[in-house]
Amino acid sequence: MMDKLYDQVQKYLNMDEEIAFKEFQQFYQDVISQLDSEAESFQEDKIWKGLFVVESIMSNAENRAKTTKSASETKKYKKMAKRTKLYAQNFTRRLHQFGYTQEHIGEKFEQMLEEGTKEEVEE
């Protein structure tokens, strides 16, 4: 399931338009549901994908919270950003336990972002 969520976030990141709030919220809920039930058992590969997914949601939610005109949506985006930040911190800590530095994590993120743009070009 995390592979599917990772592929979906890659697709979202390469779209020209933003997805609607409802779709964003549904994706967030799918991710949190998956993480709540399985994150503790993730092996290294899934931790990387999980980190990429939650960082993407967190960043996007923070930006949307600043630009949306709806007070209700702003509050929800802030809550999404806060919750995904906790998972991001957990995954980052676990990657540090595997011996990765912040620099390694940054480099891997760049590679993961490039994977998404390569897939977009190949389609």
PDB file of N, CA and C in Angstrom:
ATOM      1  N   MET A   1       0.816  -1.206   0.000  1.00  0.00           N
ATOM      2  CA  MET A   1       0.000   0.000   0.000  1.00  0.00           C
ATOM      3  C   MET A   1       0.859   1.270   0.000  1.00  0.00           C
ATOM      4  N   MET A   2       1.981   1.271   0.741  1.00  0.00           N
ATOM      5  CA  MET A   2       2.833   2.461   0.767  1.00  0.00           C
ATOM      6  C   MET A   2       3.396   2.739  -0.621  1.00  0.00           C
ATOM      7  N   ASP A   3       3.677   1.679  -1.384  1.00  0.00           N
ATOM      8  CA  ASP A   3       4.160   1.884  -2.758  1.00  0.00           C
ATOM      9  C   ASP A   3       3.112   2.629  -3.580  1.00  0.00           C
ATOM     10  N   LYS A   4       1.867   2.251  -3.405  1.00  0.00           N
ATOM     11  CA  LYS A   4       0.768   2.895  -4.138  1.00  0.00           C
ATOM     12  C   LYS A   4       0.641   4.371  -3.731  1.00  0.00           C
ATOM     13  N   LEU A   5       0.747   4.652  -2.438  1.00  0.00           N
ATOM     14  CA  LEU A   5       0.658   6.030  -1.951  1.00  0.00           C
ATOM     15  C   LEU A   5       1.847   6.857  -2.438  1.00  0.00           C
ATOM     16  N   TYR A   6       3.020   6.226  -2.471  1.00  0.00           N
ATOM     17  CA  TYR A   6       4.221   6.896  -2.989  1.00  0.00           C
ATOM     18  C   TYR A   6       4.028   7.248  -4.465  1.00  0.00           C
ATOM     19  N   ASP A   7       3.539   6.298  -5.251  1.00  0.00           N
ATOM     20  CA  ASP A   7       3.285   6.557  -6.677  1.00  0.00           C
ATOM     21  C   ASP A   7       2.262   7.676  -6.851  1.00  0.00           C
ATOM     22  N   GLN A   8       1.249   7.681  -6.005  1.00  0.00           N
ATOM     23  CA  GLN A   8       0.206   8.712  -6.103  1.00  0.00           C
ATOM     24  C   GLN A   8       0.762  10.095  -5.781  1.00  0.00           C
ATOM     25  N   VAL A   9       1.607  10.189  -4.754  1.00  0.00           N
ATOM     26  CA  VAL A   9       2.162  11.503  -4.404  1.00  0.00           C
ATOM     27  C   VAL A   9       3.089  11.984  -5.522  1.00  0.00           C
ATOM     28  N   GLN A  10       3.810  11.061  -6.153  1.00  0.00           N
ATOM     29  CA  GLN A  10       4.659  11.445  -7.294  1.00  0.00           C
ATOM     30  C   GLN A  10       3.790  12.033  -8.403  1.00  0.00           C
ATOM     31  N   LYS A  11       2.664  11.407  -8.651  1.00  0.00           N
ATOM     32  CA  LYS A  11       1.739  11.890  -9.684  1.00  0.00           C
ATOM     33  C   LYS A  11       1.223  13.288  -9.318  1.00  0.00           C
ATOM     34  N   TYR A  12       0.823  13.462  -8.062  1.00  0.00           N
ATOM     35  CA  TYR A  12       0.328  14.767  -7.613  1.00  0.00           C
ATOM     36  C   TYR A  12       1.394  15.853  -7.778  1.00  0.00           C
ATOM     37  N   LEU A  13       2.636  15.521  -7.434  1.00  0.00           N
ATOM     38  CA  LEU A  13       3.711  16.510  -7.500  1.00  0.00           C
ATOM     39  C   LEU A  13       3.989  16.972  -8.924  1.00  0.00           C
ATOM     40  N   ASN A  14       3.633  16.161  -9.895  1.00  0.00           N
ATOM     41  CA  ASN A  14       3.901  16.508 -11.288  1.00  0.00           C
ATOM     42  C   ASN A  14       2.685  17.047 -12.031  1.00  0.00           C
ATOM     43  N   MET A  15       1.603  17.270 -11.309  1.00  0.00           N
ATOM     44  CA  MET A  15       0.405  17.831 -11.941  1.00  0.00           C
ATOM     45  C   MET A  15       0.569  19.339 -12.109  1.00  0.00           C
ATOM     46  N   ASP A  16      -0.084  19.877 -13.127  1.00  0.00           N
ATOM     47  CA  ASP A  16      -0.029  21.320 -13.364  1.00  0.00           C
ATOM     48  C   ASP A  16      -0.914  22.097 -12.391  1.00  0.00           C
ATOM     49  N   GLU A  17      -2.053  21.517 -12.015  1.00  0.00           N
ATOM     50  CA  GLU A  17      -2.962  22.196 -11.092  1.00  0.00           C
ATOM     51  C   GLU A  17      -2.946  21.492  -9.739  1.00  0.00           C
ATOM     52  N   GLU A  18      -3.391  22.238  -8.735  1.00  0.00           N
ATOM     53  CA  GLU A  18      -3.558  21.638  -7.413  1.00  0.00           C
ATOM     54  C   GLU A  18      -4.817  20.788  -7.399  1.00  0.00           C
ATOM     55  N   ILE A  19      -4.785  19.741  -6.613  1.00  0.00           N
ATOM     56  CA  ILE A  19      -6.006  18.950  -6.437  1.00  0.00           C
ATOM     57  C   ILE A  19      -6.929  19.698  -5.473  1.00  0.00           C
ATOM     58  N   ALA A  20      -8.203  19.400  -5.530  1.00  0.00           N
ATOM     59  CA  ALA A  20      -9.193  20.037  -4.661  1.00  0.00           C
ATOM     60  C   ALA A  20      -8.985  19.613  -3.204  1.00  0.00           C
ATOM     61  N   PHE A  21      -9.498  20.424  -2.296  1.00  0.00           N
ATOM     62  CA  PHE A  21      -9.374  20.142  -0.869  1.00  0.00           C
ATOM     63  C   PHE A  21      -9.855  18.738  -0.524  1.00  0.00           C
ATOM     64  N   LYS A  22     -11.031  18.358  -1.031  1.00  0.00           N
ATOM     65  CA  LYS A  22     -11.611  17.041  -0.690  1.00  0.00           C
ATOM     66  C   LYS A  22     -10.684  15.901  -1.096  1.00  0.00           C
ATOM     67  N   GLU A  23     -10.105  15.987  -2.291  1.00  0.00           N
ATOM     68  CA  GLU A  23      -9.193  14.935  -2.743  1.00  0.00           C
ATOM     69  C   GLU A  23      -7.920  14.926  -1.899  1.00  0.00           C
ATOM     70  N   PHE A  24      -7.402  16.118  -1.584  1.00  0.00           N
ATOM     71  CA  PHE A  24      -6.212  16.234  -0.744  1.00  0.00           C
ATOM     72  C   PHE A  24      -6.486  15.613   0.626  1.00  0.00           C
ATOM     73  N   GLN A  25      -7.641  15.956   1.193  1.00  0.00           N
ATOM     74  CA  GLN A  25      -8.009  15.436   2.512  1.00  0.00           C
ATOM     75  C   GLN A  25      -8.158  13.911   2.480  1.00  0.00           C
ATOM     76  N   GLN A  26      -8.756  13.386   1.430  1.00  0.00           N
ATOM     77  CA  GLN A  26      -8.933  11.934   1.309  1.00  0.00           C
ATOM     78  C   GLN A  26      -7.582  11.235   1.207  1.00  0.00           C
ATOM     79  N   PHE A  27      -6.670  11.798   0.420  1.00  0.00           N
ATOM     80  CA  PHE A  27      -5.330  11.222   0.291  1.00  0.00           C
ATOM     81  C   PHE A  27      -4.623  11.246   1.648  1.00  0.00           C
ATOM     82  N   TYR A  28      -4.706  12.380   2.334  1.00  0.00           N
ATOM     83  CA  TYR A  28      -4.120  12.508   3.666  1.00  0.00           C
ATOM     84  C   TYR A  28      -4.677  11.428   4.600  1.00  0.00           C
ATOM     85  N   GLN A  29      -5.997  11.254   4.592  1.00  0.00           N
ATOM     86  CA  GLN A  29      -6.622  10.258   5.470  1.00  0.00           C
ATOM     87  C   GLN A  29      -6.179   8.841   5.115  1.00  0.00           C
ATOM     88  N   ASP A  30      -6.034   8.551   3.832  1.00  0.00           N
ATOM     89  CA  ASP A  30      -5.544   7.231   3.406  1.00  0.00           C
ATOM     90  C   ASP A  30      -4.128   6.994   3.919  1.00  0.00           C
ATOM     91  N   VAL A  31      -3.296   8.025   3.809  1.00  0.00           N
ATOM     92  CA  VAL A  31      -1.905   7.918   4.267  1.00  0.00           C
ATOM     93  C   VAL A  31      -1.861   7.707   5.775  1.00  0.00           C
ATOM     94  N   ILE A  32      -2.576   8.527   6.526  1.00  0.00           N
ATOM     95  CA  ILE A  32      -2.561   8.419   7.991  1.00  0.00           C
ATOM     96  C   ILE A  32      -3.101   7.063   8.440  1.00  0.00           C
ATOM     97  N   SER A  33      -4.133   6.590   7.803  1.00  0.00           N
ATOM     98  CA  SER A  33      -4.692   5.277   8.132  1.00  0.00           C
ATOM     99  C   SER A  33      -3.634   4.188   7.940  1.00  0.00           C
ATOM    100  N   GLN A  34      -2.934   4.241   6.833  1.00  0.00           N
ATOM    101  CA  GLN A  34      -1.866   3.279   6.538  1.00  0.00           C
ATOM    102  C   GLN A  34      -0.745   3.390   7.574  1.00  0.00           C
ATOM    103  N   LEU A  35      -0.336   4.606   7.867  1.00  0.00           N
ATOM    104  CA  LEU A  35       0.767   4.804   8.808  1.00  0.00           C
ATOM    105  C   LEU A  35       0.375   4.396  10.223  1.00  0.00           C
ATOM    106  N   ASP A  36      -0.828   4.741  10.639  1.00  0.00           N
ATOM    107  CA  ASP A  36      -1.273   4.375  11.992  1.00  0.00           C
ATOM    108  C   ASP A  36      -1.264   2.861  12.194  1.00  0.00           C
ATOM    109  N   SER A  37      -1.565   2.122  11.139  1.00  0.00           N
ATOM    110  CA  SER A  37      -1.642   0.668  11.299  1.00  0.00           C
ATOM    111  C   SER A  37      -0.320  -0.046  11.020  1.00  0.00           C
ATOM    112  N   GLU A  38       0.571   0.545  10.222  1.00  0.00           N
ATOM    113  CA  GLU A  38       1.750  -0.215   9.803  1.00  0.00           C
ATOM    114  C   GLU A  38       3.108   0.463   9.944  1.00  0.00           C
ATOM    115  N   ALA A  39       3.153   1.746  10.245  1.00  0.00           N
ATOM    116  CA  ALA A  39       4.425   2.484  10.203  1.00  0.00           C
ATOM    117  C   ALA A  39       5.517   1.883  11.086  1.00  0.00           C
ATOM    118  N   GLU A  40       5.139   1.386  12.249  1.00  0.00           N
ATOM    119  CA  GLU A  40       6.154   0.848  13.166  1.00  0.00           C
ATOM    120  C   GLU A  40       6.853  -0.389  12.606  1.00  0.00           C
ATOM    121  N   SER A  41       6.199  -1.086  11.692  1.00  0.00           N
ATOM    122  CA  SER A  41       6.809  -2.298  11.131  1.00  0.00           C
ATOM    123  C   SER A  41       7.518  -2.039   9.797  1.00  0.00           C
ATOM    124  N   PHE A  42       7.540  -0.780   9.346  1.00  0.00           N
ATOM    125  CA  PHE A  42       8.189  -0.469   8.070  1.00  0.00           C
ATOM    126  C   PHE A  42       9.670  -0.822   8.105  1.00  0.00           C
ATOM    127  N   GLN A  43      10.116  -1.441   7.024  1.00  0.00           N
ATOM    128  CA  GLN A  43      11.544  -1.664   6.815  1.00  0.00           C
ATOM    129  C   GLN A  43      12.102  -0.419   6.120  1.00  0.00           C
ATOM    130  N   GLU A  44      13.408  -0.413   5.884  1.00  0.00           N
ATOM    131  CA  GLU A  44      14.096   0.776   5.382  1.00  0.00           C
ATOM    132  C   GLU A  44      13.458   1.377   4.120  1.00  0.00           C
ATOM    133  N   ASP A  45      13.163   0.549   3.128  1.00  0.00           N
ATOM    134  CA  ASP A  45      12.594   1.058   1.877  1.00  0.00           C
ATOM    135  C   ASP A  45      11.263   1.766   2.115  1.00  0.00           C
ATOM    136  N   LYS A  46      10.430   1.184   2.945  1.00  0.00           N
ATOM    137  CA  LYS A  46       9.119   1.776   3.237  1.00  0.00           C
ATOM    138  C   LYS A  46       9.260   3.055   4.073  1.00  0.00           C
ATOM    139  N   ILE A  47      10.274   3.102   4.927  1.00  0.00           N
ATOM    140  CA  ILE A  47      10.519   4.318   5.709  1.00  0.00           C
ATOM    141  C   ILE A  47      10.847   5.474   4.766  1.00  0.00           C
ATOM    142  N   TRP A  48      11.705   5.206   3.771  1.00  0.00           N
ATOM    143  CA  TRP A  48      12.037   6.250   2.788  1.00  0.00           C
ATOM    144  C   TRP A  48      10.785   6.737   2.073  1.00  0.00           C
ATOM    145  N   LYS A  49       9.989   5.809   1.605  1.00  0.00           N
ATOM    146  CA  LYS A  49       8.776   6.188   0.867  1.00  0.00           C
ATOM    147  C   LYS A  49       7.791   6.909   1.782  1.00  0.00           C
ATOM    148  N   GLY A  50       7.659   6.414   3.008  1.00  0.00           N
ATOM    149  CA  GLY A  50       6.774   7.066   3.971  1.00  0.00           C
ATOM    150  C   GLY A  50       7.218   8.489   4.266  1.00  0.00           C
ATOM    151  N   LEU A  51       8.528   8.671   4.439  1.00  0.00           N
ATOM    152  CA  LEU A  51       9.059  10.007   4.703  1.00  0.00           C
ATOM    153  C   LEU A  51       8.778  10.940   3.531  1.00  0.00           C
ATOM    154  N   PHE A  52       9.002  10.455   2.328  1.00  0.00           N
ATOM    155  CA  PHE A  52       8.756  11.270   1.135  1.00  0.00           C
ATOM    156  C   PHE A  52       7.282  11.676   1.055  1.00  0.00           C
ATOM    157  N   VAL A  53       6.397  10.739   1.316  1.00  0.00           N
ATOM    158  CA  VAL A  53       4.957  11.014   1.243  1.00  0.00           C
ATOM    159  C   VAL A  53       4.548  12.036   2.303  1.00  0.00           C
ATOM    160  N   VAL A  54       4.955  11.823   3.565  1.00  0.00           N
ATOM    161  CA  VAL A  54       4.510  12.743   4.620  1.00  0.00           C
ATOM    162  C   VAL A  54       5.154  14.120   4.479  1.00  0.00           C
ATOM    163  N   GLU A  55       6.404  14.177   4.028  1.00  0.00           N
ATOM    164  CA  GLU A  55       7.044  15.480   3.793  1.00  0.00           C
ATOM    165  C   GLU A  55       6.309  16.236   2.695  1.00  0.00           C
ATOM    166  N   SER A  56       5.892  15.521   1.663  1.00  0.00           N
ATOM    167  CA  SER A  56       5.169  16.155   0.555  1.00  0.00           C
ATOM    168  C   SER A  56       3.821  16.697   1.029  1.00  0.00           C
ATOM    169  N   ILE A  57       3.107  15.896   1.806  1.00  0.00           N
ATOM    170  CA  ILE A  57       1.814  16.347   2.336  1.00  0.00           C
ATOM    171  C   ILE A  57       2.024  17.529   3.278  1.00  0.00           C
ATOM    172  N   MET A  58       3.018  17.420   4.163  1.00  0.00           N
ATOM    173  CA  MET A  58       3.275  18.468   5.146  1.00  0.00           C
ATOM    174  C   MET A  58       3.567  19.802   4.453  1.00  0.00           C
ATOM    175  N   SER A  59       4.470  19.785   3.507  1.00  0.00           N
ATOM    176  CA  SER A  59       4.851  20.994   2.785  1.00  0.00           C
ATOM    177  C   SER A  59       3.653  21.593   2.048  1.00  0.00           C
ATOM    178  N   ASN A  60       2.918  20.735   1.377  1.00  0.00           N
ATOM    179  CA  ASN A  60       1.763  21.191   0.614  1.00  0.00           C
ATOM    180  C   ASN A  60       0.678  21.743   1.542  1.00  0.00           C
ATOM    181  N   ALA A  61       0.439  21.066   2.648  1.00  0.00           N
ATOM    182  CA  ALA A  61      -0.581  21.523   3.603  1.00  0.00           C
ATOM    183  C   ALA A  61      -0.192  22.869   4.215  1.00  0.00           C
ATOM    184  N   GLU A  62       1.095  23.048   4.527  1.00  0.00           N
ATOM    185  CA  GLU A  62       1.551  24.329   5.078  1.00  0.00           C
ATOM    186  C   GLU A  62       1.317  25.456   4.075  1.00  0.00           C
ATOM    187  N   ASN A  63       1.656  25.219   2.817  1.00  0.00           N
ATOM    188  CA  ASN A  63       1.451  26.237   1.781  1.00  0.00           C
ATOM    189  C   ASN A  63      -0.026  26.532   1.574  1.00  0.00           C
ATOM    190  N   ARG A  64      -0.835  25.488   1.538  1.00  0.00           N
ATOM    191  CA  ARG A  64      -2.279  25.681   1.338  1.00  0.00           C
ATOM    192  C   ARG A  64      -2.904  26.428   2.522  1.00  0.00           C
ATOM    193  N   ALA A  65      -2.427  26.163   3.728  1.00  0.00           N
ATOM    194  CA  ALA A  65      -2.963  26.850   4.913  1.00  0.00           C
ATOM    195  C   ALA A  65      -2.756  28.361   4.798  1.00  0.00           C
ATOM    196  N   LYS A  66      -1.665  28.762   4.153  1.00  0.00           N
ATOM    197  CA  LYS A  66      -1.357  30.191   3.999  1.00  0.00           C
ATOM    198  C   LYS A  66      -2.181  30.846   2.896  1.00  0.00           C
ATOM    199  N   THR A  67      -2.610  30.065   1.909  1.00  0.00           N
ATOM    200  CA  THR A  67      -3.240  30.671   0.733  1.00  0.00           C
ATOM    201  C   THR A  67      -4.744  30.445   0.616  1.00  0.00           C
ATOM    202  N   THR A  68      -5.286  29.499   1.346  1.00  0.00           N
ATOM    203  CA  THR A  68      -6.728  29.235   1.218  1.00  0.00           C
ATOM    204  C   THR A  68      -7.543  30.357   1.858  1.00  0.00           C
ATOM    205  N   LYS A  69      -8.701  30.593   1.305  1.00  0.00           N
ATOM    206  CA  LYS A  69      -9.570  31.666   1.815  1.00  0.00           C
ATOM    207  C   LYS A  69     -10.539  31.149   2.891  1.00  0.00           C
ATOM    208  N   SER A  70     -10.664  29.847   3.007  1.00  0.00           N
ATOM    209  CA  SER A  70     -11.592  29.242   3.959  1.00  0.00           C
ATOM    210  C   SER A  70     -10.914  29.025   5.315  1.00  0.00           C
ATOM    211  N   ALA A  71     -11.475  29.633   6.356  1.00  0.00           N
ATOM    212  CA  ALA A  71     -10.919  29.474   7.708  1.00  0.00           C
ATOM    213  C   ALA A  71     -10.975  28.015   8.148  1.00  0.00           C
ATOM    214  N   SER A  72     -12.043  27.331   7.789  1.00  0.00           N
ATOM    215  CA  SER A  72     -12.199  25.922   8.140  1.00  0.00           C
ATOM    216  C   SER A  72     -11.106  25.072   7.482  1.00  0.00           C
ATOM    217  N   GLU A  73     -10.861  25.318   6.195  1.00  0.00           N
ATOM    218  CA  GLU A  73      -9.815  24.570   5.491  1.00  0.00           C
ATOM    219  C   GLU A  73      -8.436  24.917   6.038  1.00  0.00           C
ATOM    220  N   THR A  74      -8.205  26.189   6.358  1.00  0.00           N
ATOM    221  CA  THR A  74      -6.918  26.598   6.924  1.00  0.00           C
ATOM    222  C   THR A  74      -6.627  25.788   8.181  1.00  0.00           C
ATOM    223  N   LYS A  75      -7.611  25.683   9.052  1.00  0.00           N
ATOM    224  CA  LYS A  75      -7.458  24.928  10.306  1.00  0.00           C
ATOM    225  C   LYS A  75      -7.152  23.454  10.014  1.00  0.00           C
ATOM    226  N   LYS A  76      -7.859  22.881   9.049  1.00  0.00           N
ATOM    227  CA  LYS A  76      -7.645  21.474   8.701  1.00  0.00           C
ATOM    228  C   LYS A  76      -6.265  21.256   8.091  1.00  0.00           C
ATOM    229  N   TYR A  77      -5.836  22.166   7.217  1.00  0.00           N
ATOM    230  CA  TYR A  77      -4.503  22.046   6.619  1.00  0.00           C
ATOM    231  C   TYR A  77      -3.416  22.117   7.692  1.00  0.00           C
ATOM    232  N   LYS A  78      -3.586  23.017   8.648  1.00  0.00           N
ATOM    233  CA  LYS A  78      -2.596  23.136   9.731  1.00  0.00           C
ATOM    234  C   LYS A  78      -2.526  21.844  10.545  1.00  0.00           C
ATOM    235  N   LYS A  79      -3.684  21.247  10.794  1.00  0.00           N
ATOM    236  CA  LYS A  79      -3.723  19.981  11.538  1.00  0.00           C
ATOM    237  C   LYS A  79      -3.030  18.870  10.739  1.00  0.00           C
ATOM    238  N   MET A  80      -3.278  18.831   9.420  1.00  0.00           N
ATOM    239  CA  MET A  80      -2.627  17.830   8.564  1.00  0.00           C
ATOM    240  C   MET A  80      -1.112  18.010   8.594  1.00  0.00           C
ATOM    241  N   ALA A  81      -0.664  19.268   8.502  1.00  0.00           N
ATOM    242  CA  ALA A  81       0.774  19.548   8.506  1.00  0.00           C
ATOM    243  C   ALA A  81       1.402  19.106   9.830  1.00  0.00           C
ATOM    244  N   LYS A  82       0.710  19.388  10.920  1.00  0.00           N
ATOM    245  CA  LYS A  82       1.223  19.028  12.248  1.00  0.00           C
ATOM    246  C   LYS A  82       1.336  17.506  12.403  1.00  0.00           C
ATOM    247  N   ARG A  83       0.307  16.803  11.986  1.00  0.00           N
ATOM    248  CA  ARG A  83       0.294  15.334  12.130  1.00  0.00           C
ATOM    249  C   ARG A  83       1.357  14.677  11.247  1.00  0.00           C
ATOM    250  N   THR A  84       1.482  15.148  10.003  1.00  0.00           N
ATOM    251  CA  THR A  84       2.480  14.541   9.115  1.00  0.00           C
ATOM    252  C   THR A  84       3.894  14.904   9.562  1.00  0.00           C
ATOM    253  N   LYS A  85       4.058  16.058  10.203  1.00  0.00           N
ATOM    254  CA  LYS A  85       5.380  16.435  10.717  1.00  0.00           C
ATOM    255  C   LYS A  85       5.846  15.432  11.775  1.00  0.00           C
ATOM    256  N   LEU A  86       4.931  14.970  12.606  1.00  0.00           N
ATOM    257  CA  LEU A  86       5.288  13.975  13.627  1.00  0.00           C
ATOM    258  C   LEU A  86       5.797  12.688  12.979  1.00  0.00           C
ATOM    259  N   TYR A  87       5.116  12.247  11.927  1.00  0.00           N
ATOM    260  CA  TYR A  87       5.585  11.058  11.210  1.00  0.00           C
ATOM    261  C   TYR A  87       6.925  11.322  10.534  1.00  0.00           C
ATOM    262  N   ALA A  88       7.092  12.510   9.972  1.00  0.00           N
ATOM    263  CA  ALA A  88       8.357  12.850   9.307  1.00  0.00           C
ATOM    264  C   ALA A  88       9.508  12.797  10.317  1.00  0.00           C
ATOM    265  N   GLN A  89       9.279  13.329  11.503  1.00  0.00           N
ATOM    266  CA  GLN A  89      10.312  13.300  12.542  1.00  0.00           C
ATOM    267  C   GLN A  89      10.627  11.864  12.955  1.00  0.00           C
ATOM    268  N   ASN A  90       9.592  11.041  13.093  1.00  0.00           N
ATOM    269  CA  ASN A  90       9.777   9.637  13.455  1.00  0.00           C
ATOM    270  C   ASN A  90      10.591   8.905  12.386  1.00  0.00           C
ATOM    271  N   PHE A  91      10.226   9.091  11.114  1.00  0.00           N
ATOM    272  CA  PHE A  91      10.941   8.411  10.030  1.00  0.00           C
ATOM    273  C   PHE A  91      12.384   8.904   9.921  1.00  0.00           C
ATOM    274  N   THR A  92      12.586  10.210  10.096  1.00  0.00           N
ATOM    275  CA  THR A  92      13.939  10.769  10.031  1.00  0.00           C
ATOM    276  C   THR A  92      14.801  10.179  11.142  1.00  0.00           C
ATOM    277  N   ARG A  93      14.250  10.094  12.344  1.00  0.00           N
ATOM    278  CA  ARG A  93      14.985   9.503  13.470  1.00  0.00           C
ATOM    279  C   ARG A  93      15.364   8.051  13.161  1.00  0.00           C
ATOM    280  N   ARG A  94      14.429   7.311  12.591  1.00  0.00           N
ATOM    281  CA  ARG A  94      14.706   5.904  12.264  1.00  0.00           C
ATOM    282  C   ARG A  94      15.781   5.786  11.186  1.00  0.00           C
ATOM    283  N   LEU A  95      15.770   6.696  10.214  1.00  0.00           N
ATOM    284  CA  LEU A  95      16.816   6.677   9.180  1.00  0.00           C
ATOM    285  C   LEU A  95      18.176   7.019   9.784  1.00  0.00           C
ATOM    286  N   HIS A  96      18.200   7.933  10.757  1.00  0.00           N
ATOM    287  CA  HIS A  96      19.449   8.240  11.453  1.00  0.00           C
ATOM    288  C   HIS A  96      19.966   6.994  12.172  1.00  0.00           C
ATOM    289  N   GLN A  97      19.047   6.194  12.725  1.00  0.00           N
ATOM    290  CA  GLN A  97      19.449   4.956  13.394  1.00  0.00           C
ATOM    291  C   GLN A  97      20.056   3.958  12.408  1.00  0.00           C
ATOM    292  N   PHE A  98      19.643   4.046  11.134  1.00  0.00           N
ATOM    293  CA  PHE A  98      20.247   3.205  10.091  1.00  0.00           C
ATOM    294  C   PHE A  98      21.611   3.747   9.661  1.00  0.00           C
ATOM    295  N   GLY A  99      21.979   4.937  10.155  1.00  0.00           N
ATOM    296  CA  GLY A  99      23.282   5.507   9.838  1.00  0.00           C
ATOM    297  C   GLY A  99      23.268   6.624   8.806  1.00  0.00           C
ATOM    298  N   TYR A 100      22.089   7.045   8.371  1.00  0.00           N
ATOM    299  CA  TYR A 100      21.998   8.133   7.386  1.00  0.00           C
ATOM    300  C   TYR A 100      22.132   9.489   8.076  1.00  0.00           C
ATOM    301  N   THR A 101      22.822  10.408   7.405  1.00  0.00           N
ATOM    302  CA  THR A 101      22.928  11.781   7.897  1.00  0.00           C
ATOM    303  C   THR A 101      21.857  12.631   7.219  1.00  0.00           C
ATOM    304  N   GLN A 102      21.699  13.862   7.699  1.00  0.00           N
ATOM    305  CA  GLN A 102      20.744  14.781   7.051  1.00  0.00           C
ATOM    306  C   GLN A 102      21.132  15.000   5.592  1.00  0.00           C
ATOM    307  N   GLU A 103      22.432  15.039   5.331  1.00  0.00           N
ATOM    308  CA  GLU A 103      22.901  15.222   3.952  1.00  0.00           C
ATOM    309  C   GLU A 103      22.473  14.043   3.074  1.00  0.00           C
ATOM    310  N   HIS A 104      22.648  12.817   3.582  1.00  0.00           N
ATOM    311  CA  HIS A 104      22.198  11.626   2.842  1.00  0.00           C
ATOM    312  C   HIS A 104      20.699  11.700   2.557  1.00  0.00           C
ATOM    313  N   ILE A 105      19.950  12.101   3.572  1.00  0.00           N
ATOM    314  CA  ILE A 105      18.495  12.170   3.427  1.00  0.00           C
ATOM    315  C   ILE A 105      18.122  13.193   2.356  1.00  0.00           C
ATOM    316  N   GLY A 106      18.793  14.342   2.370  1.00  0.00           N
ATOM    317  CA  GLY A 106      18.539  15.368   1.354  1.00  0.00           C
ATOM    318  C   GLY A 106      18.838  14.875  -0.050  1.00  0.00           C
ATOM    319  N   GLU A 107      19.960  14.157  -0.193  1.00  0.00           N
ATOM    320  CA  GLU A 107      20.341  13.616  -1.507  1.00  0.00           C
ATOM    321  C   GLU A 107      19.325  12.587  -1.991  1.00  0.00           C
ATOM    322  N   LYS A 108      18.900  11.715  -1.098  1.00  0.00           N
ATOM    323  CA  LYS A 108      17.922  10.687  -1.465  1.00  0.00           C
ATOM    324  C   LYS A 108      16.592  11.333  -1.876  1.00  0.00           C
ATOM    325  N   PHE A 109      16.224  12.400  -1.182  1.00  0.00           N
ATOM    326  CA  PHE A 109      14.992  13.106  -1.535  1.00  0.00           C
ATOM    327  C   PHE A 109      15.071  13.662  -2.948  1.00  0.00           C
ATOM    328  N   GLU A 110      16.222  14.231  -3.291  1.00  0.00           N
ATOM    329  CA  GLU A 110      16.405  14.761  -4.651  1.00  0.00           C
ATOM    330  C   GLU A 110      16.230  13.642  -5.678  1.00  0.00           C
ATOM    331  N   GLN A 111      16.806  12.480  -5.391  1.00  0.00           N
ATOM    332  CA  GLN A 111      16.667  11.332  -6.299  1.00  0.00           C
ATOM    333  C   GLN A 111      15.200  10.922  -6.427  1.00  0.00           C
ATOM    334  N   MET A 112      14.495  10.918  -5.313  1.00  0.00           N
ATOM    335  CA  MET A 112      13.086  10.519  -5.334  1.00  0.00           C
ATOM    336  C   MET A 112      12.250  11.526  -6.133  1.00  0.00           C
ATOM    337  N   LEU A 113      12.553  12.805  -5.990  1.00  0.00           N
ATOM    338  CA  LEU A 113      11.849  13.822  -6.775  1.00  0.00           C
ATOM    339  C   LEU A 113      12.120  13.636  -8.263  1.00  0.00           C
ATOM    340  N   GLU A 114      13.378  13.327  -8.589  1.00  0.00           N
ATOM    341  CA  GLU A 114      13.745  13.103  -9.989  1.00  0.00           C
ATOM    342  C   GLU A 114      13.055  11.870 -10.553  1.00  0.00           C
ATOM    343  N   GLU A 115      12.867  10.841  -9.733  1.00  0.00           N
ATOM    344  CA  GLU A 115      12.141   9.642 -10.181  1.00  0.00           C
ATOM    345  C   GLU A 115      10.767  10.021 -10.697  1.00  0.00           C
ATOM    346  N   GLY A 116      10.106  10.902  -9.992  1.00  0.00           N
ATOM    347  CA  GLY A 116       8.770  11.337 -10.385  1.00  0.00           C
ATOM    348  C   GLY A 116       8.767  12.079 -11.704  1.00  0.00           C
ATOM    349  N   THR A 117       9.773  12.915 -11.935  1.00  0.00           N
ATOM    350  CA  THR A 117       9.803  13.655 -13.197  1.00  0.00           C
ATOM    351  C   THR A 117      10.212  12.749 -14.346  1.00  0.00           C
ATOM    352  N   LYS A 118      11.052  11.761 -14.082  1.00  0.00           N
ATOM    353  CA  LYS A 118      11.426  10.797 -15.130  1.00  0.00           C
ATOM    354  C   LYS A 118      10.208  10.004 -15.578  1.00  0.00           C
ATOM    355  N   GLU A 119       9.425   9.539 -14.601  1.00  0.00           N
ATOM    356  CA  GLU A 119       8.216   8.766 -14.925  1.00  0.00           C
ATOM    357  C   GLU A 119       7.263   9.606 -15.759  1.00  0.00           C
ATOM    358  N   GLU A 120       7.186  10.887 -15.451  1.00  0.00           N
ATOM    359  CA  GLU A 120       6.294  11.794 -16.178  1.00  0.00           C
ATOM    360  C   GLU A 120       6.741  11.908 -17.638  1.00  0.00           C
ATOM    361  N   VAL A 121       8.044  11.980 -17.863  1.00  0.00           N
ATOM    362  CA  VAL A 121       8.592  12.105 -19.217  1.00  0.00           C
ATOM    363  C   VAL A 121       8.361  10.828 -20.010  1.00  0.00           C
ATOM    364  N   GLU A 122       8.468   9.674 -19.334  1.00  0.00           N
ATOM    365  CA  GLU A 122       8.331   8.379 -20.010  1.00  0.00           C
ATOM    366  C   GLU A 122       6.908   8.094 -20.466  1.00  0.00           C
ATOM    367  N   GLU A 123       5.911   8.695 -19.826  1.00  0.00           N
ATOM    368  CA  GLU A 123       4.509   8.394 -20.164  1.00  0.00           C
ATOM    369  C   GLU A 123       4.106   8.935 -21.504  1.00  0.00           C
TER     370      GLU A 123
END
